[in-house]
Amino acid sequence: MDDKMQNTVKCIAAEKNCASLEEYRSKRREASKLCRQRKRRFHRKNMEALEIMRNRNERKCFVPIPSPCNDKSGNLITNKQKILGR
């Protein structure tokens, strides 16, 4: 970041100097390119981690949890139709 600041100061101090202006622009392009690459790498890494987590979760078999209810007399009802009709 120090190089970027120095180039900015040079550019402001000598605006009419084309060489320093071009150097500033090239450094700025390089910094922007590096930031984009890091951002893409970060997003790619996060997406891979999410994909791994999703695949792990798919391997687990879905087992429905029974949801028993009690009727008015206190008896346990496990039949879905009777539970819905209650």
PDB file of N, CA and C in Angstrom:
ATOM      1  N   MET A   1       0.814  -1.185   0.000  1.00  0.00           N
ATOM      2  CA  MET A   1       0.000   0.000   0.000  1.00  0.00           C
ATOM      3  C   MET A   1       0.865   1.258   0.000  1.00  0.00           C
ATOM      4  N   ASP A   2       2.073   1.156   0.519  1.00  0.00           N
ATOM      5  CA  ASP A   2       2.959   2.320   0.531  1.00  0.00           C
ATOM      6  C   ASP A   2       3.301   2.755  -0.889  1.00  0.00           C
ATOM      7  N   ASP A   3       3.520   1.785  -1.779  1.00  0.00           N
ATOM      8  CA  ASP A   3       3.814   2.119  -3.168  1.00  0.00           C
ATOM      9  C   ASP A   3       2.642   2.860  -3.798  1.00  0.00           C
ATOM     10  N   LYS A   4       1.451   2.424  -3.470  1.00  0.00           N
ATOM     11  CA  LYS A   4       0.263   3.063  -4.032  1.00  0.00           C
ATOM     12  C   LYS A   4       0.160   4.513  -3.565  1.00  0.00           C
ATOM     13  N   MET A   5       0.419   4.745  -2.294  1.00  0.00           N
ATOM     14  CA  MET A   5       0.360   6.104  -1.758  1.00  0.00           C
ATOM     15  C   MET A   5       1.436   6.987  -2.386  1.00  0.00           C
ATOM     16  N   GLN A   6       2.637   6.445  -2.527  1.00  0.00           N
ATOM     17  CA  GLN A   6       3.726   7.213  -3.128  1.00  0.00           C
ATOM     18  C   GLN A   6       3.391   7.573  -4.578  1.00  0.00           C
ATOM     19  N   ASN A   7       2.831   6.610  -5.300  1.00  0.00           N
ATOM     20  CA  ASN A   7       2.461   6.882  -6.691  1.00  0.00           C
ATOM     21  C   ASN A   7       1.352   7.921  -6.776  1.00  0.00           C
ATOM     22  N   THR A   8       0.418   7.892  -5.843  1.00  0.00           N
ATOM     23  CA  THR A   8      -0.660   8.880  -5.818  1.00  0.00           C
ATOM     24  C   THR A   8      -0.100  10.271  -5.567  1.00  0.00           C
ATOM     25  N   VAL A   9       0.809  10.376  -4.613  1.00  0.00           N
ATOM     26  CA  VAL A   9       1.426  11.667  -4.294  1.00  0.00           C
ATOM     27  C   VAL A   9       2.213  12.183  -5.489  1.00  0.00           C
ATOM     28  N   LYS A  10       2.956  11.297  -6.160  1.00  0.00           N
ATOM     29  CA  LYS A  10       3.718  11.692  -7.348  1.00  0.00           C
ATOM     30  C   LYS A  10       2.785  12.219  -8.431  1.00  0.00           C
ATOM     31  N   CYS A  11       1.689  11.528  -8.612  1.00  0.00           N
ATOM     32  CA  CYS A  11       0.737  11.904  -9.658  1.00  0.00           C
ATOM     33  C   CYS A  11       0.132  13.271  -9.371  1.00  0.00           C
ATOM     34  N   ILE A  12      -0.219  13.511  -8.139  1.00  0.00           N
ATOM     35  CA  ILE A  12      -0.817  14.791  -7.766  1.00  0.00           C
ATOM     36  C   ILE A  12       0.214  15.914  -7.874  1.00  0.00           C
ATOM     37  N   ALA A  13       1.449  15.644  -7.449  1.00  0.00           N
ATOM     38  CA  ALA A  13       2.497  16.665  -7.461  1.00  0.00           C
ATOM     39  C   ALA A  13       2.901  17.046  -8.882  1.00  0.00           C
ATOM     40  N   ALA A  14       2.975  16.087  -9.757  1.00  0.00           N
ATOM     41  CA  ALA A  14       3.428  16.360 -11.124  1.00  0.00           C
ATOM     42  C   ALA A  14       2.395  15.833 -12.111  1.00  0.00           C
ATOM     43  N   GLU A  15       1.280  16.500 -12.212  1.00  0.00           N
ATOM     44  CA  GLU A  15       0.196  16.040 -13.085  1.00  0.00           C
ATOM     45  C   GLU A  15       0.577  16.105 -14.563  1.00  0.00           C
ATOM     46  N   LYS A  16       1.466  16.980 -14.909  1.00  0.00           N
ATOM     47  CA  LYS A  16       1.801  17.154 -16.316  1.00  0.00           C
ATOM     48  C   LYS A  16       2.852  16.161 -16.793  1.00  0.00           C
ATOM     49  N   ASN A  17       3.413  15.409 -15.884  1.00  0.00           N
ATOM     50  CA  ASN A  17       4.420  14.424 -16.244  1.00  0.00           C
ATOM     51  C   ASN A  17       3.712  13.134 -16.666  1.00  0.00           C
ATOM     52  N   CYS A  18       3.743  12.837 -17.933  1.00  0.00           N
ATOM     53  CA  CYS A  18       3.013  11.684 -18.475  1.00  0.00           C
ATOM     54  C   CYS A  18       3.569  10.357 -17.975  1.00  0.00           C
ATOM     55  N   ALA A  19       4.858  10.284 -17.777  1.00  0.00           N
ATOM     56  CA  ALA A  19       5.472   9.026 -17.338  1.00  0.00           C
ATOM     57  C   ALA A  19       4.987   8.647 -15.947  1.00  0.00           C
ATOM     58  N   SER A  20       4.955   9.626 -15.035  1.00  0.00           N
ATOM     59  CA  SER A  20       4.511   9.316 -13.676  1.00  0.00           C
ATOM     60  C   SER A  20       3.016   8.990 -13.659  1.00  0.00           C
ATOM     61  N   LEU A  21       2.253   9.658 -14.512  1.00  0.00           N
ATOM     62  CA  LEU A  21       0.823   9.389 -14.597  1.00  0.00           C
ATOM     63  C   LEU A  21       0.573   7.973 -15.121  1.00  0.00           C
ATOM     64  N   GLU A  22       1.318   7.588 -16.131  1.00  0.00           N
ATOM     65  CA  GLU A  22       1.171   6.236 -16.687  1.00  0.00           C
ATOM     66  C   GLU A  22       1.608   5.184 -15.674  1.00  0.00           C
ATOM     67  N   GLU A  23       2.666   5.468 -14.936  1.00  0.00           N
ATOM     68  CA  GLU A  23       3.125   4.539 -13.896  1.00  0.00           C
ATOM     69  C   GLU A  23       2.051   4.388 -12.813  1.00  0.00           C
ATOM     70  N   TYR A  24       1.448   5.502 -12.434  1.00  0.00           N
ATOM     71  CA  TYR A  24       0.372   5.479 -11.439  1.00  0.00           C
ATOM     72  C   TYR A  24      -0.799   4.624 -11.929  1.00  0.00           C
ATOM     73  N   ARG A  25      -1.184   4.831 -13.184  1.00  0.00           N
ATOM     74  CA  ARG A  25      -2.311   4.070 -13.738  1.00  0.00           C
ATOM     75  C   ARG A  25      -2.007   2.577 -13.810  1.00  0.00           C
ATOM     76  N   SER A  26      -0.782   2.240 -14.197  1.00  0.00           N
ATOM     77  CA  SER A  26      -0.426   0.819 -14.290  1.00  0.00           C
ATOM     78  C   SER A  26      -0.413   0.167 -12.906  1.00  0.00           C
ATOM     79  N   LYS A  27       0.120   0.875 -11.911  1.00  0.00           N
ATOM     80  CA  LYS A  27       0.117   0.342 -10.540  1.00  0.00           C
ATOM     81  C   LYS A  27      -1.314   0.172 -10.034  1.00  0.00           C
ATOM     82  N   ARG A  28      -2.153   1.128 -10.366  1.00  0.00           N
ATOM     83  CA  ARG A  28      -3.547   1.066  -9.926  1.00  0.00           C
ATOM     84  C   ARG A  28      -4.274  -0.110 -10.582  1.00  0.00           C
ATOM     85  N   ARG A  29      -4.021  -0.322 -11.884  1.00  0.00           N
ATOM     86  CA  ARG A  29      -4.614  -1.473 -12.580  1.00  0.00           C
ATOM     87  C   ARG A  29      -4.150  -2.777 -11.955  1.00  0.00           C
ATOM     88  N   GLU A  30      -2.857  -2.832 -11.640  1.00  0.00           N
ATOM     89  CA  GLU A  30      -2.283  -4.033 -11.028  1.00  0.00           C
ATOM     90  C   GLU A  30      -2.922  -4.309  -9.660  1.00  0.00           C
ATOM     91  N   ALA A  31      -3.109  -3.261  -8.868  1.00  0.00           N
ATOM     92  CA  ALA A  31      -3.730  -3.420  -7.547  1.00  0.00           C
ATOM     93  C   ALA A  31      -5.179  -3.880  -7.682  1.00  0.00           C
ATOM     94  N   SER A  32      -5.903  -3.312  -8.630  1.00  0.00           N
ATOM     95  CA  SER A  32      -7.298  -3.713  -8.851  1.00  0.00           C
ATOM     96  C   SER A  32      -7.384  -5.161  -9.306  1.00  0.00           C
ATOM     97  N   LYS A  33      -6.476  -5.553 -10.184  1.00  0.00           N
ATOM     98  CA  LYS A  33      -6.446  -6.928 -10.677  1.00  0.00           C
ATOM     99  C   LYS A  33      -6.180  -7.898  -9.530  1.00  0.00           C
ATOM    100  N   LEU A  34      -5.241  -7.545  -8.670  1.00  0.00           N
ATOM    101  CA  LEU A  34      -4.910  -8.390  -7.528  1.00  0.00           C
ATOM    102  C   LEU A  34      -6.106  -8.526  -6.583  1.00  0.00           C
ATOM    103  N   CYS A  35      -6.807  -7.423  -6.347  1.00  0.00           N
ATOM    104  CA  CYS A  35      -8.000  -7.466  -5.480  1.00  0.00           C
ATOM    105  C   CYS A  35      -9.081  -8.353  -6.082  1.00  0.00           C
ATOM    106  N   ARG A  36      -9.297  -8.254  -7.391  1.00  0.00           N
ATOM    107  CA  ARG A  36     -10.301  -9.099  -8.045  1.00  0.00           C
ATOM    108  C   ARG A  36      -9.938 -10.574  -7.934  1.00  0.00           C
ATOM    109  N   GLN A  37      -8.649 -10.887  -8.141  1.00  0.00           N
ATOM    110  CA  GLN A  37      -8.204 -12.277  -8.041  1.00  0.00           C
ATOM    111  C   GLN A  37      -8.414 -12.824  -6.636  1.00  0.00           C
ATOM    112  N   ARG A  38      -8.072 -12.030  -5.636  1.00  0.00           N
ATOM    113  CA  ARG A  38      -8.256 -12.472  -4.251  1.00  0.00           C
ATOM    114  C   ARG A  38      -9.729 -12.678  -3.932  1.00  0.00           C
ATOM    115  N   LYS A  39     -10.566 -11.782  -4.425  1.00  0.00           N
ATOM    116  CA  LYS A  39     -12.007 -11.890  -4.179  1.00  0.00           C
ATOM    117  C   LYS A  39     -12.563 -13.156  -4.835  1.00  0.00           C
ATOM    118  N   ARG A  40     -12.162 -13.417  -6.068  1.00  0.00           N
ATOM    119  CA  ARG A  40     -12.619 -14.631  -6.760  1.00  0.00           C
ATOM    120  C   ARG A  40     -12.156 -15.881  -6.029  1.00  0.00           C
ATOM    121  N   ARG A  41     -10.896 -15.878  -5.582  1.00  0.00           N
ATOM    122  CA  ARG A  41     -10.352 -17.018  -4.842  1.00  0.00           C
ATOM    123  C   ARG A  41     -11.135 -17.239  -3.547  1.00  0.00           C
ATOM    124  N   PHE A  42     -11.462 -16.151  -2.855  1.00  0.00           N
ATOM    125  CA  PHE A  42     -12.227 -16.224  -1.608  1.00  0.00           C
ATOM    126  C   PHE A  42     -13.611 -16.818  -1.857  1.00  0.00           C
ATOM    127  N   HIS A  43     -14.302 -16.324  -2.900  1.00  0.00           N
ATOM    128  CA  HIS A  43     -15.642 -16.829  -3.209  1.00  0.00           C
ATOM    129  C   HIS A  43     -15.599 -18.295  -3.645  1.00  0.00           C
ATOM    130  N   ARG A  44     -14.594 -18.644  -4.447  1.00  0.00           N
ATOM    131  CA  ARG A  44     -14.462 -20.027  -4.903  1.00  0.00           C
ATOM    132  C   ARG A  44     -14.242 -20.968  -3.719  1.00  0.00           C
ATOM    133  N   LYS A  45     -13.387 -20.542  -2.786  1.00  0.00           N
ATOM    134  CA  LYS A  45     -13.100 -21.357  -1.605  1.00  0.00           C
ATOM    135  C   LYS A  45     -14.360 -21.537  -0.753  1.00  0.00           C
ATOM    136  N   ASN A  46     -15.125 -20.464  -0.567  1.00  0.00           N
ATOM    137  CA  ASN A  46     -16.371 -20.558   0.201  1.00  0.00           C
ATOM    138  C   ASN A  46     -17.384 -21.465  -0.484  1.00  0.00           C
ATOM    139  N   MET A  47     -17.495 -21.360  -1.805  1.00  0.00           N
ATOM    140  CA  MET A  47     -18.441 -22.208  -2.531  1.00  0.00           C
ATOM    141  C   MET A  47     -18.050 -23.677  -2.429  1.00  0.00           C
ATOM    142  N   GLU A  48     -16.756 -23.976  -2.488  1.00  0.00           N
ATOM    143  CA  GLU A  48     -16.310 -25.361  -2.338  1.00  0.00           C
ATOM    144  C   GLU A  48     -16.647 -25.892  -0.950  1.00  0.00           C
ATOM    145  N   ALA A  49     -16.450 -25.062   0.063  1.00  0.00           N
ATOM    146  CA  ALA A  49     -16.771 -25.481   1.430  1.00  0.00           C
ATOM    147  C   ALA A  49     -18.268 -25.737   1.573  1.00  0.00           C
ATOM    148  N   LEU A  50     -19.092 -24.875   0.994  1.00  0.00           N
ATOM    149  CA  LEU A  50     -20.544 -25.072   1.048  1.00  0.00           C
ATOM    150  C   LEU A  50     -20.959 -26.341   0.306  1.00  0.00           C
ATOM    151  N   GLU A  51     -20.314 -26.600  -0.814  1.00  0.00           N
ATOM    152  CA  GLU A  51     -20.623 -27.799  -1.591  1.00  0.00           C
ATOM    153  C   GLU A  51     -20.273 -29.060  -0.800  1.00  0.00           C
ATOM    154  N   ILE A  52     -19.143 -29.035  -0.113  1.00  0.00           N
ATOM    155  CA  ILE A  52     -18.744 -30.180   0.711  1.00  0.00           C
ATOM    156  C   ILE A  52     -19.757 -30.401   1.824  1.00  0.00           C
ATOM    157  N   MET A  53     -20.179 -29.323   2.473  1.00  0.00           N
ATOM    158  CA  MET A  53     -21.170 -29.447   3.546  1.00  0.00           C
ATOM    159  C   MET A  53     -22.495 -29.989   3.016  1.00  0.00           C
ATOM    160  N   ARG A  54     -22.884 -29.526   1.825  1.00  0.00           N
ATOM    161  CA  ARG A  54     -24.143 -29.995   1.236  1.00  0.00           C
ATOM    162  C   ARG A  54     -24.059 -31.483   0.918  1.00  0.00           C
ATOM    163  N   ASN A  55     -22.925 -31.930   0.370  1.00  0.00           N
ATOM    164  CA  ASN A  55     -22.760 -33.341   0.033  1.00  0.00           C
ATOM    165  C   ASN A  55     -22.753 -34.212   1.280  1.00  0.00           C
ATOM    166  N   ARG A  56     -22.171 -33.738   2.344  1.00  0.00           N
ATOM    167  CA  ARG A  56     -22.170 -34.502   3.594  1.00  0.00           C
ATOM    168  C   ARG A  56     -23.589 -34.677   4.103  1.00  0.00           C
ATOM    169  N   ASN A  57     -24.380 -33.642   3.968  1.00  0.00           N
ATOM    170  CA  ASN A  57     -25.747 -33.681   4.469  1.00  0.00           C
ATOM    171  C   ASN A  57     -26.619 -34.614   3.632  1.00  0.00           C
ATOM    172  N   GLU A  58     -26.334 -34.746   2.334  1.00  0.00           N
ATOM    173  CA  GLU A  58     -27.114 -35.621   1.470  1.00  0.00           C
ATOM    174  C   GLU A  58     -26.903 -37.083   1.819  1.00  0.00           C
ATOM    175  N   ARG A  59     -25.744 -37.432   2.314  1.00  0.00           N
ATOM    176  CA  ARG A  59     -25.457 -38.827   2.634  1.00  0.00           C
ATOM    177  C   ARG A  59     -26.291 -39.335   3.793  1.00  0.00           C
ATOM    178  N   LYS A  60     -26.680 -38.447   4.666  1.00  0.00           N
ATOM    179  CA  LYS A  60     -27.490 -38.864   5.801  1.00  0.00           C
ATOM    180  C   LYS A  60     -28.875 -39.243   5.290  1.00  0.00           C
ATOM    181  N   CYS A  61     -29.325 -40.394   5.686  1.00  0.00           N
ATOM    182  CA  CYS A  61     -30.660 -40.835   5.265  1.00  0.00           C
ATOM    183  C   CYS A  61     -31.712 -40.111   6.091  1.00  0.00           C
ATOM    184  N   PHE A  62     -32.777 -39.757   5.429  1.00  0.00           N
ATOM    185  CA  PHE A  62     -33.862 -39.076   6.121  1.00  0.00           C
ATOM    186  C   PHE A  62     -34.696 -40.113   6.845  1.00  0.00           C
ATOM    187  N   VAL A  63     -34.830 -39.958   8.128  1.00  0.00           N
ATOM    188  CA  VAL A  63     -35.649 -40.856   8.935  1.00  0.00           C
ATOM    189  C   VAL A  63     -36.732 -40.003   9.577  1.00  0.00           C
ATOM    190  N   PRO A  64     -37.996 -40.233   9.205  1.00  0.00           N
ATOM    191  CA  PRO A  64     -39.055 -39.420   9.799  1.00  0.00           C
ATOM    192  C   PRO A  64     -39.206 -39.723  11.286  1.00  0.00           C
ATOM    193  N   ILE A  65     -39.360 -38.683  12.047  1.00  0.00           N
ATOM    194  CA  ILE A  65     -39.521 -38.839  13.487  1.00  0.00           C
ATOM    195  C   ILE A  65     -41.010 -39.025  13.771  1.00  0.00           C
ATOM    196  N   PRO A  66     -41.369 -40.105  14.446  1.00  0.00           N
ATOM    197  CA  PRO A  66     -42.784 -40.305  14.743  1.00  0.00           C
ATOM    198  C   PRO A  66     -43.285 -39.221  15.689  1.00  0.00           C
ATOM    199  N   SER A  67     -44.490 -38.791  15.446  1.00  0.00           N
ATOM    200  CA  SER A  67     -45.057 -37.752  16.299  1.00  0.00           C
ATOM    201  C   SER A  67     -46.356 -38.273  16.919  1.00  0.00           C
ATOM    202  N   PRO A  68     -46.257 -39.012  17.995  1.00  0.00           N
ATOM    203  CA  PRO A  68     -47.462 -39.554  18.622  1.00  0.00           C
ATOM    204  C   PRO A  68     -48.223 -38.475  19.387  1.00  0.00           C
ATOM    205  N   CYS A  69     -49.510 -38.701  19.529  1.00  0.00           N
ATOM    206  CA  CYS A  69     -50.373 -37.803  20.289  1.00  0.00           C
ATOM    207  C   CYS A  69     -51.209 -38.632  21.256  1.00  0.00           C
ATOM    208  N   ASN A  70     -51.776 -37.969  22.204  1.00  0.00           N
ATOM    209  CA  ASN A  70     -52.683 -38.629  23.134  1.00  0.00           C
ATOM    210  C   ASN A  70     -54.110 -38.223  22.799  1.00  0.00           C
ATOM    211  N   ASP A  71     -55.018 -39.192  22.900  1.00  0.00           N
ATOM    212  CA  ASP A  71     -56.426 -38.856  22.698  1.00  0.00           C
ATOM    213  C   ASP A  71     -57.022 -38.358  24.012  1.00  0.00           C
ATOM    214  N   LYS A  72     -58.336 -38.136  24.017  1.00  0.00           N
ATOM    215  CA  LYS A  72     -58.990 -37.558  25.196  1.00  0.00           C
ATOM    216  C   LYS A  72     -58.874 -38.439  26.429  1.00  0.00           C
ATOM    217  N   SER A  73     -58.844 -39.746  26.220  1.00  0.00           N
ATOM    218  CA  SER A  73     -58.759 -40.654  27.366  1.00  0.00           C
ATOM    219  C   SER A  73     -57.319 -40.912  27.789  1.00  0.00           C
ATOM    220  N   GLY A  74     -56.336 -40.337  27.076  1.00  0.00           N
ATOM    221  CA  GLY A  74     -54.935 -40.474  27.462  1.00  0.00           C
ATOM    222  C   GLY A  74     -54.201 -41.582  26.740  1.00  0.00           C
ATOM    223  N   ASN A  75     -54.863 -42.271  25.816  1.00  0.00           N
ATOM    224  CA  ASN A  75     -54.217 -43.339  25.051  1.00  0.00           C
ATOM    225  C   ASN A  75     -53.308 -42.730  23.984  1.00  0.00           C
ATOM    226  N   LEU A  76     -52.227 -43.428  23.683  1.00  0.00           N
ATOM    227  CA  LEU A  76     -51.251 -42.969  22.703  1.00  0.00           C
ATOM    228  C   LEU A  76     -51.752 -43.270  21.295  1.00  0.00           C
ATOM    229  N   ILE A  77     -51.765 -42.263  20.424  1.00  0.00           N
ATOM    230  CA  ILE A  77     -52.185 -42.432  19.027  1.00  0.00           C
ATOM    231  C   ILE A  77     -50.946 -42.248  18.158  1.00  0.00           C
ATOM    232  N   THR A  78     -50.637 -43.260  17.329  1.00  0.00           N
ATOM    233  CA  THR A  78     -49.489 -43.156  16.426  1.00  0.00           C
ATOM    234  C   THR A  78     -49.909 -43.197  14.965  1.00  0.00           C
ATOM    235  N   ASN A  79     -51.140 -43.528  14.686  1.00  0.00           N
ATOM    236  CA  ASN A  79     -51.648 -43.578  13.323  1.00  0.00           C
ATOM    237  C   ASN A  79     -51.845 -42.144  12.812  1.00  0.00           C
ATOM    238  N   LYS A  80     -51.280 -41.850  11.657  1.00  0.00           N
ATOM    239  CA  LYS A  80     -51.344 -40.487  11.122  1.00  0.00           C
ATOM    240  C   LYS A  80     -52.772 -40.047  10.833  1.00  0.00           C
ATOM    241  N   GLN A  81     -53.576 -40.951  10.300  1.00  0.00           N
ATOM    242  CA  GLN A  81     -54.959 -40.595   9.972  1.00  0.00           C
ATOM    243  C   GLN A  81     -55.744 -40.233  11.228  1.00  0.00           C
ATOM    244  N   LYS A  82     -55.529 -40.985  12.292  1.00  0.00           N
ATOM    245  CA  LYS A  82     -56.241 -40.700  13.535  1.00  0.00           C
ATOM    246  C   LYS A  82     -55.751 -39.385  14.151  1.00  0.00           C
ATOM    247  N   ILE A  83     -54.455 -39.123  14.001  1.00  0.00           N
ATOM    248  CA  ILE A  83     -53.904 -37.866  14.528  1.00  0.00           C
ATOM    249  C   ILE A  83     -54.514 -36.685  13.779  1.00  0.00           C
ATOM    250  N   LEU A  84     -54.621 -36.814  12.451  1.00  0.00           N
ATOM    251  CA  LEU A  84     -55.192 -35.732  11.647  1.00  0.00           C
ATOM    252  C   LEU A  84     -56.681 -35.561  11.916  1.00  0.00           C
ATOM    253  N   GLY A  85     -57.368 -36.663  12.178  1.00  0.00           N
ATOM    254  CA  GLY A  85     -58.797 -36.602  12.434  1.00  0.00           C
ATOM    255  C   GLY A  85     -59.132 -36.091  13.822  1.00  0.00           C
ATOM    256  N   ARG A  86     -58.201 -36.022  14.662  1.00  0.00           N
ATOM    257  CA  ARG A  86     -58.403 -35.591  16.041  1.00  0.00           C
ATOM    258  C   ARG A  86     -58.720 -34.177  16.156  1.00  0.00           C
TER     259      ARG A  86
END
